[in-house]
Amino acid sequence: MNYIQQAYKGERELWMFILTTLLVAGIFLANFVFYLFSEPGDLDAAYEMMSHWPANVSLVIILLPFVFLLGLLFVLVKFVHRRSILSLTTARSKVDFKRVLFSFLMVCTFTLVAFFISYSIDSSEIIFQFNLGKFAILFLISIVLFPFQIGLEEYLFRGYLMQ
């Protein structure tokens, strides 16, 4: 219950919540509205153009806005709401990394067990193909950029809006 009470810290006028939500989530809403009202030919042309780009370049272009948006959320929480960024994460004085590690290991264990069960039931659909160069690039993109996407989702919805 203490975590939800973090919302009572700092400045909490209604216009601040509306401003922060619209600024951070506005790109998604604008993109959705643009998609709904755009001509089908325009979307087909955009998809055709992106199909000629390397897949990793497309992935980086898709993930880069999350870096900006997560930073924007942190800046708005810090300077508009006058709250610490830690208040979005926990009600404690510091992050409990033992819990984070435990959760990470639980997800990894569940994923690996589910994979091996699926593999033992029917391995005909799984093909092993490994290219170190492609893997290294995708791994680097994943380690650097996906945490921003995941972080934005978690901090915006579970950290900010839930409070």
Protein backbone atom coordinates (compact mmCIF):
# COMPACT_ATOMS: atom_id res chain seq x y z
CA MET A 1 0.00 0.00 0.00
CA ASN A 2 2.93 2.34 0.58
CA TYR A 3 3.78 2.26 -3.12
CA ILE A 4 0.42 3.73 -4.13
CA GLN A 5 0.81 6.40 -1.44
CA GLN A 6 3.91 7.65 -3.28
CA ALA A 7 1.45 9.49 -5.54
CA TYR A 8 0.69 11.89 -2.69
CA LYS A 9 4.25 13.19 -2.67
CA GLY A 10 5.27 16.26 -4.63
CA GLU A 11 3.01 18.42 -6.78
CA ARG A 12 -0.18 16.66 -7.87
CA GLU A 13 -2.54 19.03 -9.57
CA LEU A 14 -4.77 17.59 -12.28
CA TRP A 15 -3.25 19.66 -15.10
CA MET A 16 0.16 18.14 -14.32
CA PHE A 17 -1.11 14.60 -14.80
CA ILE A 18 -2.92 15.54 -17.99
CA LEU A 19 0.14 17.35 -19.38
CA THR A 20 2.52 14.52 -18.54
CA THR A 21 0.23 11.83 -19.92
CA LEU A 22 -0.47 13.73 -23.13
CA LEU A 23 3.17 14.58 -23.74
CA VAL A 24 4.50 11.10 -23.08
CA ALA A 25 1.65 9.06 -24.59
CA GLY A 26 0.84 11.66 -27.24
CA ILE A 27 3.15 10.16 -29.85
CA PHE A 28 1.35 6.84 -29.60
CA LEU A 29 -2.06 8.46 -29.76
CA ALA A 30 -1.05 10.67 -32.70
CA ASN A 31 0.40 7.66 -34.52
CA PHE A 32 -2.80 5.68 -33.98
CA VAL A 33 -5.00 8.56 -35.19
CA PHE A 34 -2.71 9.04 -38.20
CA TYR A 35 -3.00 5.33 -38.99
CA LEU A 36 -6.82 5.43 -38.75
CA PHE A 37 -7.22 8.41 -41.06
CA SER A 38 -4.44 7.83 -43.56
CA GLU A 39 -5.02 6.64 -47.09
CA PRO A 40 -4.35 2.92 -47.62
CA GLY A 41 -1.94 3.74 -50.45
CA ASP A 42 0.15 5.95 -48.16
CA LEU A 43 0.60 3.13 -45.67
CA ASP A 44 1.45 0.67 -48.41
CA ALA A 45 4.10 3.05 -49.73
CA ALA A 46 5.59 3.45 -46.24
CA TYR A 47 5.68 -0.32 -45.73
CA GLU A 48 7.25 -0.78 -49.15
CA MET A 49 9.94 1.79 -48.37
CA MET A 50 10.77 0.19 -45.01
CA SER A 51 10.89 -3.30 -46.53
CA HIS A 52 14.07 -2.29 -48.38
CA TRP A 53 15.86 -1.27 -45.18
CA PRO A 54 17.85 -3.78 -43.15
CA ALA A 55 15.75 -5.27 -40.36
CA ASN A 56 18.09 -4.01 -37.64
CA VAL A 57 17.87 -0.43 -38.95
CA SER A 58 14.07 -0.62 -38.87
CA LEU A 59 14.20 -1.97 -35.32
CA VAL A 60 16.48 0.86 -34.16
CA ILE A 61 14.21 3.46 -35.81
CA ILE A 62 11.18 1.94 -34.09
CA LEU A 63 12.86 1.81 -30.67
CA LEU A 64 14.62 5.21 -30.62
CA PRO A 65 11.51 7.26 -29.70
CA PHE A 66 11.24 5.26 -26.47
CA VAL A 67 14.60 6.65 -25.31
CA PHE A 68 13.29 10.20 -25.70
CA LEU A 69 9.88 9.41 -24.18
CA LEU A 70 11.29 7.68 -21.09
CA GLY A 71 13.64 10.62 -20.56
CA LEU A 72 10.72 13.01 -21.00
CA LEU A 73 8.67 11.12 -18.41
CA PHE A 74 11.54 11.26 -15.93
CA VAL A 75 12.07 14.99 -16.53
CA LEU A 76 8.36 15.74 -16.07
CA VAL A 77 8.13 13.69 -12.89
CA LYS A 78 11.27 15.30 -11.48
CA PHE A 79 10.63 18.93 -12.40
CA VAL A 80 6.87 19.30 -12.86
CA HIS A 81 5.67 16.94 -10.12
CA ARG A 82 8.75 17.54 -7.96
CA ARG A 83 9.06 13.84 -7.13
CA SER A 84 11.99 11.51 -7.27
CA ILE A 85 12.24 9.01 -10.07
CA LEU A 86 12.72 6.37 -7.37
CA SER A 87 9.14 7.06 -6.22
CA LEU A 88 7.93 5.56 -9.52
CA THR A 89 9.86 2.38 -8.79
CA THR A 90 9.48 1.68 -5.09
CA ALA A 91 8.35 3.11 -1.77
CA ARG A 92 11.64 2.03 -0.20
CA SER A 93 14.70 4.20 0.17
CA LYS A 94 16.52 2.24 -2.55
CA VAL A 95 15.78 -0.39 -5.19
CA ASP A 96 15.91 -3.96 -3.86
CA PHE A 97 18.06 -5.58 -6.54
CA LYS A 98 17.66 -9.01 -4.92
CA ARG A 99 13.97 -8.87 -5.86
CA VAL A 100 14.82 -7.70 -9.37
CA LEU A 101 17.28 -10.57 -9.81
CA PHE A 102 14.79 -13.06 -8.39
CA SER A 103 12.09 -11.91 -10.82
CA PHE A 104 14.52 -12.03 -13.74
CA LEU A 105 15.58 -15.57 -12.85
CA MET A 106 11.94 -16.66 -12.47
CA VAL A 107 11.08 -15.38 -15.95
CA CYS A 108 14.20 -16.99 -17.44
CA THR A 109 13.47 -20.29 -15.73
CA PHE A 110 9.85 -20.31 -16.88
CA THR A 111 10.88 -19.46 -20.44
CA LEU A 112 13.57 -22.15 -20.58
CA VAL A 113 11.33 -24.84 -19.06
CA ALA A 114 8.51 -23.97 -21.47
CA PHE A 115 10.95 -24.07 -24.40
CA PHE A 116 12.36 -27.46 -23.43
CA ILE A 117 8.89 -28.92 -22.92
CA SER A 118 7.84 -27.60 -26.33
CA TYR A 119 11.06 -28.91 -27.87
CA SER A 120 10.62 -32.36 -26.35
CA ILE A 121 7.02 -32.58 -27.58
CA ASP A 122 7.74 -31.53 -31.17
CA SER A 123 11.18 -30.46 -32.31
CA SER A 124 10.38 -30.51 -36.02
CA GLU A 125 9.55 -26.80 -36.13
CA ILE A 126 12.81 -25.67 -34.53
CA ILE A 127 15.82 -25.08 -36.76
CA PHE A 128 19.19 -24.17 -35.31
CA GLN A 129 20.88 -21.47 -37.34
CA PHE A 130 23.44 -19.21 -35.76
CA ASN A 131 25.30 -16.33 -37.35
CA LEU A 132 27.59 -14.65 -34.82
CA GLY A 133 27.74 -11.32 -36.70
CA LYS A 134 23.96 -10.93 -37.00
CA PHE A 135 23.46 -12.19 -33.46
CA ALA A 136 25.97 -9.72 -32.01
CA ILE A 137 24.30 -6.74 -33.70
CA LEU A 138 20.80 -7.81 -32.65
CA PHE A 139 22.02 -8.61 -29.13
CA LEU A 140 23.57 -5.15 -28.81
CA ILE A 141 20.39 -3.46 -30.07
CA SER A 142 18.32 -5.57 -27.68
CA ILE A 143 20.46 -4.89 -24.63
CA VAL A 144 20.68 -1.15 -25.29
CA LEU A 145 17.26 -0.17 -26.68
CA PHE A 146 14.65 -2.67 -25.46
CA PRO A 147 15.06 -1.65 -21.80
CA PHE A 148 13.90 1.86 -22.78
CA GLN A 149 10.75 0.48 -24.40
CA ILE A 150 10.02 -1.82 -21.49
CA GLY A 151 10.92 0.87 -18.98
CA LEU A 152 8.62 3.43 -20.57
CA GLU A 153 5.70 1.02 -20.51
CA GLU A 154 6.31 0.01 -16.89
CA TYR A 155 7.05 3.48 -15.56
CA LEU A 156 4.21 5.18 -17.43
CA PHE A 157 1.44 2.69 -16.69
CA ARG A 158 2.49 0.96 -13.47
CA GLY A 159 4.63 3.67 -11.97
CA TYR A 160 2.95 6.91 -12.98
CA LEU A 161 -0.65 6.33 -14.01
CA MET A 162 -1.36 3.61 -11.44
CA GLN A 163 -0.27 5.93 -8.65
